[in-house]
Amino acid sequence: MPSTAGTQAAAGQDSAAGARRPGGPGRLPRLSRLRDVALVPGIVVIAAAGQLVSPVFLSYDNVINILQTMAEVSLLVLAETLVLVVGRMDLSLESTFGLAPGVAAWLTIGGGHGLGVLPGGLAVPLTLAVGVLVGLLNAVLIVRFGLNGFIVTLGMLIVLRGLLTGISGGQTFFDLPPSMLYLGTETWLGVPASIWVCVVLFTVGVVALGFTRFGRALYAVGGNTDAARAAGINTDRMIQGVLVVASLLAALGGLLLSGRLASVAAAQGNGVIFTVFAAAVIGGVGLNGGRGTVFGAFTGILLLYMIQNVLTLAGVPAQWIGALDGAIILVALVMSRITSGRPQ
């Protein structure tokens, strides 16, 4: 007769296996794959509508413009998707998006309000290092000290935003070193480098979450942390790793934006977290963990930016476009409730 401990471990493994599936326990993989491409028809419809609104919508220059401006924020969407899959939230990503390149600019540019104490060649490593540091701080507070992740990252958002305002004096950093401009201005094979970076990282995310043991473990942790732990998964290490990777992606996204604009504004990233959550939610990523895919999140941010571009070409005032993301989140939540039978 099997021991009680053995029975409990087996049950934990079964529960964790169910939680690994993007669609949740008991859902057919085929239905999960259909949900991944649920926004594709909407993207096609918006593309057709955009072409009717303006003949330039599907032009090469406009499509590249959409993809390039989307690429920077899309890395935040990728980062938040990973965090949401493991059942956590990270609100501080938008501040890391601004602070990481801001610190690099502050330390490397001379004159004005820059210290100029480090060579410009270190700007990119500095940017990424700040992202890793913020992720480690979040991980220590959330995992090691067991603090509420929502409150921790909300506090971190405020702290990081204040730090950027403080080191910049509320001004914009200009005259960035060439290393910070490269990814935002260079083109590879006729396409902006930032788009290639976005495509490569999302491809890695799709493969990692959908086809590896690591990805299955993330879904297990987000679906049922206790069951995942019983199945032998080091849940603390998984959550810590995801928080660090998410902050690193946010820093890289901020670097892409700073390179394209050739500056780092004191308000860089402010409010972008709302767009990030909108894209993740309409892309099918659950707010309760263990649900959603990287491809779905990508279609979510692509759809948002296409809609915004169509409205801009149609002459809709920017202040009305700002109300779009919140409305889309509410509609997506209602539709998710209706179609899945359970809330996000």
C-alpha atoms as a PDB file:
ATOM      1  CA  MET A   1       0.000   0.000   0.000  1.00  0.00           C
ATOM      2  CA  PRO A   2       1.496   3.395  -0.938  1.00  0.00           C
ATOM      3  CA  SER A   3       2.442   5.703   1.911  1.00  0.00           C
ATOM      4  CA  THR A   4       0.421   8.808   2.763  1.00  0.00           C
ATOM      5  CA  ALA A   5       3.369  11.019   1.847  1.00  0.00           C
ATOM      6  CA  GLY A   6       3.683   9.295  -1.512  1.00  0.00           C
ATOM      7  CA  THR A   7      -0.007   9.758  -2.190  1.00  0.00           C
ATOM      8  CA  GLN A   8       0.190  13.457  -1.328  1.00  0.00           C
ATOM      9  CA  ALA A   9       3.229  13.947  -3.571  1.00  0.00           C
ATOM     10  CA  ALA A  10       1.472  12.216  -6.454  1.00  0.00           C
ATOM     11  CA  ALA A  11      -1.583  14.378  -5.927  1.00  0.00           C
ATOM     12  CA  GLY A  12       0.610  17.456  -5.892  1.00  0.00           C
ATOM     13  CA  GLN A  13       2.222  16.416  -9.149  1.00  0.00           C
ATOM     14  CA  ASP A  14      -1.185  15.896 -10.758  1.00  0.00           C
ATOM     15  CA  SER A  15      -2.381  19.299  -9.567  1.00  0.00           C
ATOM     16  CA  ALA A  16       0.778  20.991 -10.743  1.00  0.00           C
ATOM     17  CA  ALA A  17       0.533  19.303 -14.110  1.00  0.00           C
ATOM     18  CA  GLY A  18      -2.957  20.669 -14.512  1.00  0.00           C
ATOM     19  CA  ALA A  19      -1.858  24.137 -13.459  1.00  0.00           C
ATOM     20  CA  ARG A  20       0.905  24.122 -16.060  1.00  0.00           C
ATOM     21  CA  ARG A  21      -1.506  24.273 -18.950  1.00  0.00           C
ATOM     22  CA  PRO A  22      -2.067  27.836 -20.195  1.00  0.00           C
ATOM     23  CA  GLY A  23      -5.793  27.156 -20.290  1.00  0.00           C
ATOM     24  CA  GLY A  24      -5.917  25.876 -16.708  1.00  0.00           C
ATOM     25  CA  PRO A  25      -6.724  22.435 -15.299  1.00  0.00           C
ATOM     26  CA  GLY A  26      -9.050  20.283 -17.342  1.00  0.00           C
ATOM     27  CA  ARG A  27      -8.999  22.459 -20.445  1.00  0.00           C
ATOM     28  CA  LEU A  28      -8.190  20.989 -23.798  1.00  0.00           C
ATOM     29  CA  PRO A  29      -4.901  22.118 -25.384  1.00  0.00           C
ATOM     30  CA  ARG A  30      -6.741  22.746 -28.626  1.00  0.00           C
ATOM     31  CA  LEU A  31      -9.001  25.292 -26.931  1.00  0.00           C
ATOM     32  CA  SER A  32      -5.938  26.945 -25.424  1.00  0.00           C
ATOM     33  CA  ARG A  33      -4.354  27.295 -28.854  1.00  0.00           C
ATOM     34  CA  LEU A  34      -7.551  28.800 -30.236  1.00  0.00           C
ATOM     35  CA  ARG A  35      -7.545  31.352 -27.441  1.00  0.00           C
ATOM     36  CA  ASP A  36      -3.962  32.297 -28.340  1.00  0.00           C
ATOM     37  CA  VAL A  37      -5.065  33.474 -31.792  1.00  0.00           C
ATOM     38  CA  ALA A  38      -8.380  34.971 -30.697  1.00  0.00           C
ATOM     39  CA  LEU A  39      -7.214  38.517 -31.441  1.00  0.00           C
ATOM     40  CA  VAL A  40      -5.875  37.747 -34.916  1.00  0.00           C
ATOM     41  CA  PRO A  41      -9.277  38.324 -36.618  1.00  0.00           C
ATOM     42  CA  GLY A  42      -9.548  41.618 -34.734  1.00  0.00           C
ATOM     43  CA  ILE A  43      -6.116  42.663 -35.974  1.00  0.00           C
ATOM     44  CA  VAL A  44      -7.171  41.891 -39.550  1.00  0.00           C
ATOM     45  CA  VAL A  45     -10.384  43.903 -39.116  1.00  0.00           C
ATOM     46  CA  ILE A  46      -8.507  46.887 -37.646  1.00  0.00           C
ATOM     47  CA  ALA A  47      -6.002  46.725 -40.513  1.00  0.00           C
ATOM     48  CA  ALA A  48      -8.821  46.839 -43.051  1.00  0.00           C
ATOM     49  CA  ALA A  49     -10.586  49.645 -41.192  1.00  0.00           C
ATOM     50  CA  GLY A  50      -7.346  51.602 -40.928  1.00  0.00           C
ATOM     51  CA  GLN A  51      -6.791  51.379 -44.660  1.00  0.00           C
ATOM     52  CA  LEU A  52     -10.298  52.726 -45.236  1.00  0.00           C
ATOM     53  CA  VAL A  53      -9.672  55.605 -42.823  1.00  0.00           C
ATOM     54  CA  SER A  54      -6.357  56.520 -44.406  1.00  0.00           C
ATOM     55  CA  PRO A  55      -4.561  55.057 -47.426  1.00  0.00           C
ATOM     56  CA  VAL A  56      -1.236  55.435 -45.612  1.00  0.00           C
ATOM     57  CA  PHE A  57      -2.165  53.046 -42.804  1.00  0.00           C
ATOM     58  CA  LEU A  58      -0.732  49.931 -44.468  1.00  0.00           C
ATOM     59  CA  SER A  59       2.157  51.774 -46.071  1.00  0.00           C
ATOM     60  CA  TYR A  60       5.626  50.479 -45.219  1.00  0.00           C
ATOM     61  CA  ASP A  61       6.623  53.617 -43.312  1.00  0.00           C
ATOM     62  CA  ASN A  62       3.485  53.613 -41.163  1.00  0.00           C
ATOM     63  CA  VAL A  63       3.692  49.895 -40.378  1.00  0.00           C
ATOM     64  CA  ILE A  64       7.339  50.312 -39.356  1.00  0.00           C
ATOM     65  CA  ASN A  65       6.349  53.310 -37.239  1.00  0.00           C
ATOM     66  CA  ILE A  66       3.706  51.249 -35.422  1.00  0.00           C
ATOM     67  CA  LEU A  67       6.078  48.361 -34.816  1.00  0.00           C
ATOM     68  CA  GLN A  68       8.951  50.550 -33.663  1.00  0.00           C
ATOM     69  CA  THR A  69       6.912  52.606 -31.203  1.00  0.00           C
ATOM     70  CA  MET A  70       5.290  49.386 -29.996  1.00  0.00           C
ATOM     71  CA  ALA A  71       8.613  47.560 -29.561  1.00  0.00           C
ATOM     72  CA  GLU A  72       9.667  49.525 -26.494  1.00  0.00           C
ATOM     73  CA  VAL A  73       6.446  49.087 -24.506  1.00  0.00           C
ATOM     74  CA  SER A  74       6.049  45.514 -25.763  1.00  0.00           C
ATOM     75  CA  LEU A  75       9.076  44.506 -23.686  1.00  0.00           C
ATOM     76  CA  LEU A  76       7.164  45.725 -20.633  1.00  0.00           C
ATOM     77  CA  VAL A  77       4.207  43.618 -21.763  1.00  0.00           C
ATOM     78  CA  LEU A  78       6.468  40.586 -22.099  1.00  0.00           C
ATOM     79  CA  ALA A  79       7.893  41.264 -18.643  1.00  0.00           C
ATOM     80  CA  GLU A  80       4.465  41.692 -17.018  1.00  0.00           C
ATOM     81  CA  THR A  81       3.194  38.556 -18.748  1.00  0.00           C
ATOM     82  CA  LEU A  82       5.930  36.478 -17.119  1.00  0.00           C
ATOM     83  CA  VAL A  83       5.136  37.982 -13.723  1.00  0.00           C
ATOM     84  CA  LEU A  84       1.386  37.444 -14.116  1.00  0.00           C
ATOM     85  CA  VAL A  85       1.858  33.830 -15.218  1.00  0.00           C
ATOM     86  CA  VAL A  86       3.539  33.040 -11.873  1.00  0.00           C
ATOM     87  CA  GLY A  87       0.666  34.702 -10.026  1.00  0.00           C
ATOM     88  CA  ARG A  88       2.334  38.004  -9.119  1.00  0.00           C
ATOM     89  CA  MET A  89       2.136  41.644 -10.258  1.00  0.00           C
ATOM     90  CA  ASP A  90       4.888  44.186 -10.820  1.00  0.00           C
ATOM     91  CA  LEU A  91       3.757  47.797 -10.987  1.00  0.00           C
ATOM     92  CA  SER A  92       7.306  49.133 -10.725  1.00  0.00           C
ATOM     93  CA  LEU A  93       8.158  48.146 -14.314  1.00  0.00           C
ATOM     94  CA  GLU A  94       7.079  51.533 -15.656  1.00  0.00           C
ATOM     95  CA  SER A  95       9.473  53.337 -13.301  1.00  0.00           C
ATOM     96  CA  THR A  96      12.341  50.960 -14.086  1.00  0.00           C
ATOM     97  CA  PHE A  97      11.598  51.784 -17.739  1.00  0.00           C
ATOM     98  CA  GLY A  98      12.606  55.392 -16.993  1.00  0.00           C
ATOM     99  CA  LEU A  99      15.074  55.150 -14.113  1.00  0.00           C
ATOM    100  CA  ALA A 100      17.453  52.574 -15.633  1.00  0.00           C
ATOM    101  CA  PRO A 101      18.450  54.645 -18.696  1.00  0.00           C
ATOM    102  CA  GLY A 102      18.176  57.794 -16.562  1.00  0.00           C
ATOM    103  CA  VAL A 103      20.859  56.584 -14.146  1.00  0.00           C
ATOM    104  CA  ALA A 104      23.100  55.575 -17.064  1.00  0.00           C
ATOM    105  CA  ALA A 105      22.696  59.022 -18.650  1.00  0.00           C
ATOM    106  CA  TRP A 106      23.272  60.778 -15.327  1.00  0.00           C
ATOM    107  CA  LEU A 107      26.548  58.958 -14.715  1.00  0.00           C
ATOM    108  CA  THR A 108      27.952  59.129 -18.248  1.00  0.00           C
ATOM    109  CA  ILE A 109      27.076  62.503 -19.766  1.00  0.00           C
ATOM    110  CA  GLY A 110      29.060  65.564 -18.714  1.00  0.00           C
ATOM    111  CA  GLY A 111      27.908  69.130 -18.285  1.00  0.00           C
ATOM    112  CA  GLY A 112      24.448  70.292 -17.342  1.00  0.00           C
ATOM    113  CA  HIS A 113      22.946  67.989 -14.708  1.00  0.00           C
ATOM    114  CA  GLY A 114      24.986  64.914 -15.671  1.00  0.00           C
ATOM    115  CA  LEU A 115      27.891  63.819 -13.494  1.00  0.00           C
ATOM    116  CA  GLY A 116      30.009  62.437 -16.340  1.00  0.00           C
ATOM    117  CA  VAL A 117      32.007  60.225 -13.962  1.00  0.00           C
ATOM    118  CA  LEU A 118      31.901  57.096 -16.141  1.00  0.00           C
ATOM    119  CA  PRO A 119      32.743  56.502 -19.820  1.00  0.00           C
ATOM    120  CA  GLY A 120      29.873  56.385 -22.294  1.00  0.00           C
ATOM    121  CA  GLY A 121      30.745  52.832 -23.259  1.00  0.00           C
ATOM    122  CA  LEU A 122      29.391  51.670 -19.889  1.00  0.00           C
ATOM    123  CA  ALA A 123      25.955  53.226 -20.415  1.00  0.00           C
ATOM    124  CA  VAL A 124      24.249  50.075 -21.691  1.00  0.00           C
ATOM    125  CA  PRO A 125      25.661  47.743 -18.984  1.00  0.00           C
ATOM    126  CA  LEU A 126      24.684  50.352 -16.383  1.00  0.00           C
ATOM    127  CA  THR A 127      21.138  50.487 -17.695  1.00  0.00           C
ATOM    128  CA  LEU A 128      20.759  46.721 -17.539  1.00  0.00           C
ATOM    129  CA  ALA A 129      22.442  46.544 -14.128  1.00  0.00           C
ATOM    130  CA  VAL A 130      19.918  48.990 -12.674  1.00  0.00           C
ATOM    131  CA  GLY A 131      17.127  46.796 -14.007  1.00  0.00           C
ATOM    132  CA  VAL A 132      18.624  43.707 -12.372  1.00  0.00           C
ATOM    133  CA  LEU A 133      19.110  45.564  -9.081  1.00  0.00           C
ATOM    134  CA  VAL A 134      15.480  46.696  -8.968  1.00  0.00           C
ATOM    135  CA  GLY A 135      14.338  43.145  -9.714  1.00  0.00           C
ATOM    136  CA  LEU A 136      16.521  41.774  -6.915  1.00  0.00           C
ATOM    137  CA  LEU A 137      15.111  44.307  -4.433  1.00  0.00           C
ATOM    138  CA  ASN A 138      11.562  43.345  -5.408  1.00  0.00           C
ATOM    139  CA  ALA A 139      12.424  39.654  -5.097  1.00  0.00           C
ATOM    140  CA  VAL A 140      13.929  40.070  -1.626  1.00  0.00           C
ATOM    141  CA  LEU A 141      10.958  42.029  -0.306  1.00  0.00           C
ATOM    142  CA  ILE A 142       8.300  39.818  -1.903  1.00  0.00           C
ATOM    143  CA  VAL A 143       9.832  36.356  -1.578  1.00  0.00           C
ATOM    144  CA  ARG A 144      12.293  36.547   1.309  1.00  0.00           C
ATOM    145  CA  PHE A 145      10.249  38.850   3.544  1.00  0.00           C
ATOM    146  CA  GLY A 146       6.858  37.607   2.346  1.00  0.00           C
ATOM    147  CA  LEU A 147       5.465  41.097   1.739  1.00  0.00           C
ATOM    148  CA  ASN A 148       2.468  41.763  -0.493  1.00  0.00           C
ATOM    149  CA  GLY A 149       3.750  42.038  -4.064  1.00  0.00           C
ATOM    150  CA  PHE A 150       1.190  44.609  -5.131  1.00  0.00           C
ATOM    151  CA  ILE A 151       2.093  46.979  -2.276  1.00  0.00           C
ATOM    152  CA  VAL A 152       5.841  46.370  -2.636  1.00  0.00           C
ATOM    153  CA  THR A 153       5.933  47.150  -6.345  1.00  0.00           C
ATOM    154  CA  LEU A 154       3.576  50.117  -5.903  1.00  0.00           C
ATOM    155  CA  GLY A 155       5.972  51.527  -3.316  1.00  0.00           C
ATOM    156  CA  MET A 156       8.926  50.739  -5.569  1.00  0.00           C
ATOM    157  CA  LEU A 157       7.195  52.536  -8.452  1.00  0.00           C
ATOM    158  CA  ILE A 158       6.916  55.698  -6.345  1.00  0.00           C
ATOM    159  CA  VAL A 159      10.494  55.442  -5.045  1.00  0.00           C
ATOM    160  CA  LEU A 160      12.017  54.912  -8.500  1.00  0.00           C
ATOM    161  CA  ARG A 161       9.966  57.709 -10.012  1.00  0.00           C
ATOM    162  CA  GLY A 162      11.173  60.043  -7.275  1.00  0.00           C
ATOM    163  CA  LEU A 163      14.777  58.966  -7.827  1.00  0.00           C
ATOM    164  CA  LEU A 164      14.592  59.760 -11.543  1.00  0.00           C
ATOM    165  CA  THR A 165      13.082  63.170 -10.810  1.00  0.00           C
ATOM    166  CA  GLY A 166      15.775  63.797  -8.220  1.00  0.00           C
ATOM    167  CA  ILE A 167      18.831  62.894 -10.293  1.00  0.00           C
ATOM    168  CA  SER A 168      17.497  64.719 -13.340  1.00  0.00           C
ATOM    169  CA  GLY A 169      16.310  67.789 -11.467  1.00  0.00           C
ATOM    170  CA  GLY A 170      13.020  67.381 -13.297  1.00  0.00           C
ATOM    171  CA  GLN A 171      14.798  68.018 -16.594  1.00  0.00           C
ATOM    172  CA  THR A 172      15.489  65.870 -19.647  1.00  0.00           C
ATOM    173  CA  PHE A 173      18.861  64.246 -20.248  1.00  0.00           C
ATOM    174  CA  PHE A 174      20.250  65.041 -23.722  1.00  0.00           C
ATOM    175  CA  ASP A 175      23.533  64.319 -25.525  1.00  0.00           C
ATOM    176  CA  LEU A 176      23.376  60.623 -24.712  1.00  0.00           C
ATOM    177  CA  PRO A 177      26.463  58.516 -25.487  1.00  0.00           C
ATOM    178  CA  PRO A 178      26.391  56.677 -28.839  1.00  0.00           C
ATOM    179  CA  SER A 179      26.051  53.302 -27.122  1.00  0.00           C
ATOM    180  CA  MET A 180      22.652  54.341 -25.726  1.00  0.00           C
ATOM    181  CA  LEU A 181      21.472  55.527 -29.139  1.00  0.00           C
ATOM    182  CA  TYR A 182      22.442  52.438 -31.116  1.00  0.00           C
ATOM    183  CA  LEU A 183      19.481  50.102 -30.577  1.00  0.00           C
ATOM    184  CA  GLY A 184      16.980  52.932 -30.917  1.00  0.00           C
ATOM    185  CA  THR A 185      18.371  54.374 -34.152  1.00  0.00           C
ATOM    186  CA  GLU A 186      20.215  51.597 -35.988  1.00  0.00           C
ATOM    187  CA  THR A 187      18.605  49.516 -38.728  1.00  0.00           C
ATOM    188  CA  TRP A 188      19.361  45.872 -39.510  1.00  0.00           C
ATOM    189  CA  LEU A 189      18.423  44.658 -42.991  1.00  0.00           C
ATOM    190  CA  GLY A 190      16.365  47.790 -43.497  1.00  0.00           C
ATOM    191  CA  VAL A 191      14.317  47.284 -40.309  1.00  0.00           C
ATOM    192  CA  PRO A 192      14.897  49.190 -37.036  1.00  0.00           C
ATOM    193  CA  ALA A 193      17.020  47.216 -34.592  1.00  0.00           C
ATOM    194  CA  SER A 194      14.425  47.667 -31.840  1.00  0.00           C
ATOM    195  CA  ILE A 195      11.901  45.674 -33.875  1.00  0.00           C
ATOM    196  CA  TRP A 196      14.384  42.824 -34.285  1.00  0.00           C
ATOM    197  CA  VAL A 197      15.084  42.879 -30.551  1.00  0.00           C
ATOM    198  CA  CYS A 198      11.350  42.718 -29.829  1.00  0.00           C
ATOM    199  CA  VAL A 199      10.745  39.840 -32.249  1.00  0.00           C
ATOM    200  CA  VAL A 200      13.695  37.819 -30.932  1.00  0.00           C
ATOM    201  CA  LEU A 201      12.731  38.242 -27.276  1.00  0.00           C
ATOM    202  CA  PHE A 202       9.068  37.401 -27.883  1.00  0.00           C
ATOM    203  CA  THR A 203      10.126  34.332 -29.866  1.00  0.00           C
ATOM    204  CA  VAL A 204      12.307  33.234 -26.963  1.00  0.00           C
ATOM    205  CA  GLY A 205       9.369  33.828 -24.629  1.00  0.00           C
ATOM    206  CA  VAL A 206       6.984  31.783 -26.773  1.00  0.00           C
ATOM    207  CA  VAL A 207       9.405  28.869 -26.912  1.00  0.00           C
ATOM    208  CA  ALA A 208      10.379  29.067 -23.223  1.00  0.00           C
ATOM    209  CA  LEU A 209       6.836  29.165 -21.863  1.00  0.00           C
ATOM    210  CA  GLY A 210       5.213  26.884 -24.391  1.00  0.00           C
ATOM    211  CA  PHE A 211       7.763  24.164 -25.048  1.00  0.00           C
ATOM    212  CA  THR A 212      10.137  23.827 -22.090  1.00  0.00           C
ATOM    213  CA  ARG A 213      10.083  22.396 -18.585  1.00  0.00           C
ATOM    214  CA  PHE A 214      10.835  25.879 -17.290  1.00  0.00           C
ATOM    215  CA  GLY A 215       7.649  27.226 -18.866  1.00  0.00           C
ATOM    216  CA  ARG A 216       5.544  24.385 -17.482  1.00  0.00           C
ATOM    217  CA  ALA A 217       6.978  25.104 -14.049  1.00  0.00           C
ATOM    218  CA  LEU A 218       5.971  28.780 -14.320  1.00  0.00           C
ATOM    219  CA  TYR A 219       2.387  27.831 -15.106  1.00  0.00           C
ATOM    220  CA  ALA A 220       2.431  25.348 -12.227  1.00  0.00           C
ATOM    221  CA  VAL A 221       3.614  27.992  -9.772  1.00  0.00           C
ATOM    222  CA  GLY A 222       1.000  30.479 -10.951  1.00  0.00           C
ATOM    223  CA  GLY A 223      -1.806  27.914 -11.048  1.00  0.00           C
ATOM    224  CA  ASN A 224      -1.233  26.431  -7.596  1.00  0.00           C
ATOM    225  CA  THR A 225       1.898  27.362  -5.667  1.00  0.00           C
ATOM    226  CA  ASP A 226       1.414  24.745  -2.951  1.00  0.00           C
ATOM    227  CA  ALA A 227       0.870  21.951  -5.463  1.00  0.00           C
ATOM    228  CA  ALA A 228       3.897  23.084  -7.448  1.00  0.00           C
ATOM    229  CA  ARG A 229       6.017  23.042  -4.296  1.00  0.00           C
ATOM    230  CA  ALA A 230       4.733  19.563  -3.452  1.00  0.00           C
ATOM    231  CA  ALA A 231       5.745  18.451  -6.945  1.00  0.00           C
ATOM    232  CA  GLY A 232       9.341  19.440  -6.215  1.00  0.00           C
ATOM    233  CA  ILE A 233       9.444  22.851  -7.912  1.00  0.00           C
ATOM    234  CA  ASN A 234      11.505  25.498  -6.149  1.00  0.00           C
ATOM    235  CA  THR A 235       8.746  28.101  -6.259  1.00  0.00           C
ATOM    236  CA  ASP A 236      10.705  30.833  -4.468  1.00  0.00           C
ATOM    237  CA  ARG A 237      13.567  30.604  -6.933  1.00  0.00           C
ATOM    238  CA  MET A 238      11.178  30.652  -9.885  1.00  0.00           C
ATOM    239  CA  ILE A 239       9.401  33.778  -8.642  1.00  0.00           C
ATOM    240  CA  GLN A 240      12.674  35.528  -7.845  1.00  0.00           C
ATOM    241  CA  GLY A 241      14.066  34.739 -11.277  1.00  0.00           C
ATOM    242  CA  VAL A 242      10.962  36.014 -13.041  1.00  0.00           C
ATOM    243  CA  LEU A 243      10.999  39.302 -11.088  1.00  0.00           C
ATOM    244  CA  VAL A 244      14.640  39.906 -12.012  1.00  0.00           C
ATOM    245  CA  VAL A 245      14.116  39.032 -15.685  1.00  0.00           C
ATOM    246  CA  ALA A 246      11.029  41.280 -15.810  1.00  0.00           C
ATOM    247  CA  SER A 247      12.961  44.278 -14.469  1.00  0.00           C
ATOM    248  CA  LEU A 248      15.800  43.557 -16.882  1.00  0.00           C
ATOM    249  CA  LEU A 249      13.341  43.598 -19.797  1.00  0.00           C
ATOM    250  CA  ALA A 250      11.862  46.878 -18.526  1.00  0.00           C
ATOM    251  CA  ALA A 251      15.338  48.443 -18.439  1.00  0.00           C
ATOM    252  CA  LEU A 252      16.016  47.250 -21.978  1.00  0.00           C
ATOM    253  CA  GLY A 253      12.691  48.690 -23.157  1.00  0.00           C
ATOM    254  CA  GLY A 254      13.600  52.026 -21.606  1.00  0.00           C
ATOM    255  CA  LEU A 255      16.955  51.897 -23.377  1.00  0.00           C
ATOM    256  CA  LEU A 256      15.210  51.381 -26.738  1.00  0.00           C
ATOM    257  CA  LEU A 257      12.940  54.380 -26.151  1.00  0.00           C
ATOM    258  CA  SER A 258      15.792  56.589 -24.964  1.00  0.00           C
ATOM    259  CA  GLY A 259      17.815  55.634 -28.017  1.00  0.00           C
ATOM    260  CA  ARG A 260      14.993  56.440 -30.427  1.00  0.00           C
ATOM    261  CA  LEU A 261      14.250  59.804 -28.803  1.00  0.00           C
ATOM    262  CA  ALA A 262      17.945  60.547 -28.066  1.00  0.00           C
ATOM    263  CA  SER A 263      16.937  61.662 -24.581  1.00  0.00           C
ATOM    264  CA  VAL A 264      15.666  60.491 -21.205  1.00  0.00           C
ATOM    265  CA  ALA A 265      12.774  62.551 -19.850  1.00  0.00           C
ATOM    266  CA  ALA A 266      12.142  62.898 -16.122  1.00  0.00           C
ATOM    267  CA  ALA A 267       8.653  61.500 -16.714  1.00  0.00           C
ATOM    268  CA  GLN A 268       9.714  58.611 -18.966  1.00  0.00           C
ATOM    269  CA  GLY A 269       7.420  55.634 -18.387  1.00  0.00           C
ATOM    270  CA  ASN A 270       4.818  57.438 -16.292  1.00  0.00           C
ATOM    271  CA  GLY A 271       1.405  55.857 -16.805  1.00  0.00           C
ATOM    272  CA  VAL A 272       2.578  53.232 -19.293  1.00  0.00           C
ATOM    273  CA  ILE A 273       1.713  50.415 -16.871  1.00  0.00           C
ATOM    274  CA  PHE A 274      -1.961  50.895 -17.747  1.00  0.00           C
ATOM    275  CA  THR A 275      -1.258  50.165 -21.409  1.00  0.00           C
ATOM    276  CA  VAL A 276       0.824  47.167 -20.337  1.00  0.00           C
ATOM    277  CA  PHE A 277      -1.996  45.644 -18.297  1.00  0.00           C
ATOM    278  CA  ALA A 278      -4.515  46.422 -21.028  1.00  0.00           C
ATOM    279  CA  ALA A 279      -2.418  44.565 -23.597  1.00  0.00           C
ATOM    280  CA  ALA A 280      -1.854  41.585 -21.302  1.00  0.00           C
ATOM    281  CA  VAL A 281      -5.507  41.265 -20.329  1.00  0.00           C
ATOM    282  CA  ILE A 282      -6.946  41.528 -23.828  1.00  0.00           C
ATOM    283  CA  GLY A 283      -4.251  39.075 -24.916  1.00  0.00           C
ATOM    284  CA  GLY A 284      -5.708  36.464 -22.567  1.00  0.00           C
ATOM    285  CA  VAL A 285      -3.221  36.666 -19.684  1.00  0.00           C
ATOM    286  CA  GLY A 286      -5.002  35.985 -16.396  1.00  0.00           C
ATOM    287  CA  LEU A 287      -4.488  38.271 -13.416  1.00  0.00           C
ATOM    288  CA  ASN A 288      -4.740  35.327 -11.010  1.00  0.00           C
ATOM    289  CA  GLY A 289      -1.778  33.412 -12.417  1.00  0.00           C
ATOM    290  CA  GLY A 290      -1.235  30.229 -14.411  1.00  0.00           C
ATOM    291  CA  ARG A 291      -3.020  31.452 -17.514  1.00  0.00           C
ATOM    292  CA  GLY A 292      -2.051  33.194 -20.742  1.00  0.00           C
ATOM    293  CA  THR A 293       0.661  33.015 -23.375  1.00  0.00           C
ATOM    294  CA  VAL A 294       3.399  35.252 -24.703  1.00  0.00           C
ATOM    295  CA  PHE A 295       1.917  35.179 -28.209  1.00  0.00           C
ATOM    296  CA  GLY A 296      -1.464  36.268 -26.853  1.00  0.00           C
ATOM    297  CA  ALA A 297       0.192  39.182 -25.034  1.00  0.00           C
ATOM    298  CA  PHE A 298       1.976  40.177 -28.248  1.00  0.00           C
ATOM    299  CA  THR A 299      -1.296  40.287 -30.181  1.00  0.00           C
ATOM    300  CA  GLY A 300      -2.762  42.367 -27.358  1.00  0.00           C
ATOM    301  CA  ILE A 301      -0.152  45.120 -27.566  1.00  0.00           C
ATOM    302  CA  LEU A 302      -0.178  45.014 -31.374  1.00  0.00           C
ATOM    303  CA  LEU A 303      -3.951  45.469 -31.447  1.00  0.00           C
ATOM    304  CA  LEU A 304      -3.766  48.393 -29.010  1.00  0.00           C
ATOM    305  CA  TYR A 305      -1.151  50.251 -31.022  1.00  0.00           C
ATOM    306  CA  MET A 306      -2.993  49.618 -34.283  1.00  0.00           C
ATOM    307  CA  ILE A 307      -6.199  51.039 -32.821  1.00  0.00           C
ATOM    308  CA  GLN A 308      -4.355  54.084 -31.474  1.00  0.00           C
ATOM    309  CA  ASN A 309      -2.748  54.656 -34.864  1.00  0.00           C
ATOM    310  CA  VAL A 310      -6.090  54.402 -36.661  1.00  0.00           C
ATOM    311  CA  LEU A 311      -7.651  56.912 -34.269  1.00  0.00           C
ATOM    312  CA  THR A 312      -4.724  59.278 -34.746  1.00  0.00           C
ATOM    313  CA  LEU A 313      -4.991  59.068 -38.527  1.00  0.00           C
ATOM    314  CA  ALA A 314      -8.746  59.671 -38.201  1.00  0.00           C
ATOM    315  CA  GLY A 315      -8.055  62.909 -36.362  1.00  0.00           C
ATOM    316  CA  VAL A 316      -9.409  61.810 -32.969  1.00  0.00           C
ATOM    317  CA  PRO A 317      -8.041  64.109 -30.207  1.00  0.00           C
ATOM    318  CA  ALA A 318      -5.289  62.538 -28.093  1.00  0.00           C
ATOM    319  CA  GLN A 319      -7.207  63.087 -24.854  1.00  0.00           C
ATOM    320  CA  TRP A 320      -9.941  60.735 -26.075  1.00  0.00           C
ATOM    321  CA  ILE A 321      -7.410  58.127 -27.159  1.00  0.00           C
ATOM    322  CA  GLY A 322      -6.152  58.109 -23.570  1.00  0.00           C
ATOM    323  CA  ALA A 323      -9.495  56.703 -22.393  1.00  0.00           C
ATOM    324  CA  LEU A 324      -9.209  53.728 -24.756  1.00  0.00           C
ATOM    325  CA  ASP A 325      -6.963  51.446 -22.717  1.00  0.00           C
ATOM    326  CA  GLY A 326      -9.182  51.460 -19.637  1.00  0.00           C
ATOM    327  CA  ALA A 327     -12.299  50.770 -21.686  1.00  0.00           C
ATOM    328  CA  ILE A 328     -10.593  47.862 -23.441  1.00  0.00           C
ATOM    329  CA  ILE A 329      -9.541  46.356 -20.097  1.00  0.00           C
ATOM    330  CA  LEU A 330     -13.130  46.440 -18.809  1.00  0.00           C
ATOM    331  CA  VAL A 331     -14.517  44.903 -22.001  1.00  0.00           C
ATOM    332  CA  ALA A 332     -11.818  42.221 -21.988  1.00  0.00           C
ATOM    333  CA  LEU A 333     -12.566  41.307 -18.371  1.00  0.00           C
ATOM    334  CA  VAL A 334     -16.282  40.979 -19.096  1.00  0.00           C
ATOM    335  CA  MET A 335     -15.640  38.870 -22.199  1.00  0.00           C
ATOM    336  CA  SER A 336     -13.218  36.648 -20.291  1.00  0.00           C
ATOM    337  CA  ARG A 337     -15.822  36.082 -17.600  1.00  0.00           C
ATOM    338  CA  ILE A 338     -18.461  35.176 -20.169  1.00  0.00           C
ATOM    339  CA  THR A 339     -16.298  32.860 -22.267  1.00  0.00           C
ATOM    340  CA  SER A 340     -14.317  31.102 -19.529  1.00  0.00           C
ATOM    341  CA  GLY A 341     -16.850  31.040 -16.736  1.00  0.00           C
ATOM    342  CA  ARG A 342     -14.304  32.374 -14.266  1.00  0.00           C
ATOM    343  CA  PRO A 343     -12.914  35.854 -13.548  1.00  0.00           C
ATOM    344  CA  GLN A 344      -9.439  37.008 -14.473  1.00  0.00           C
END
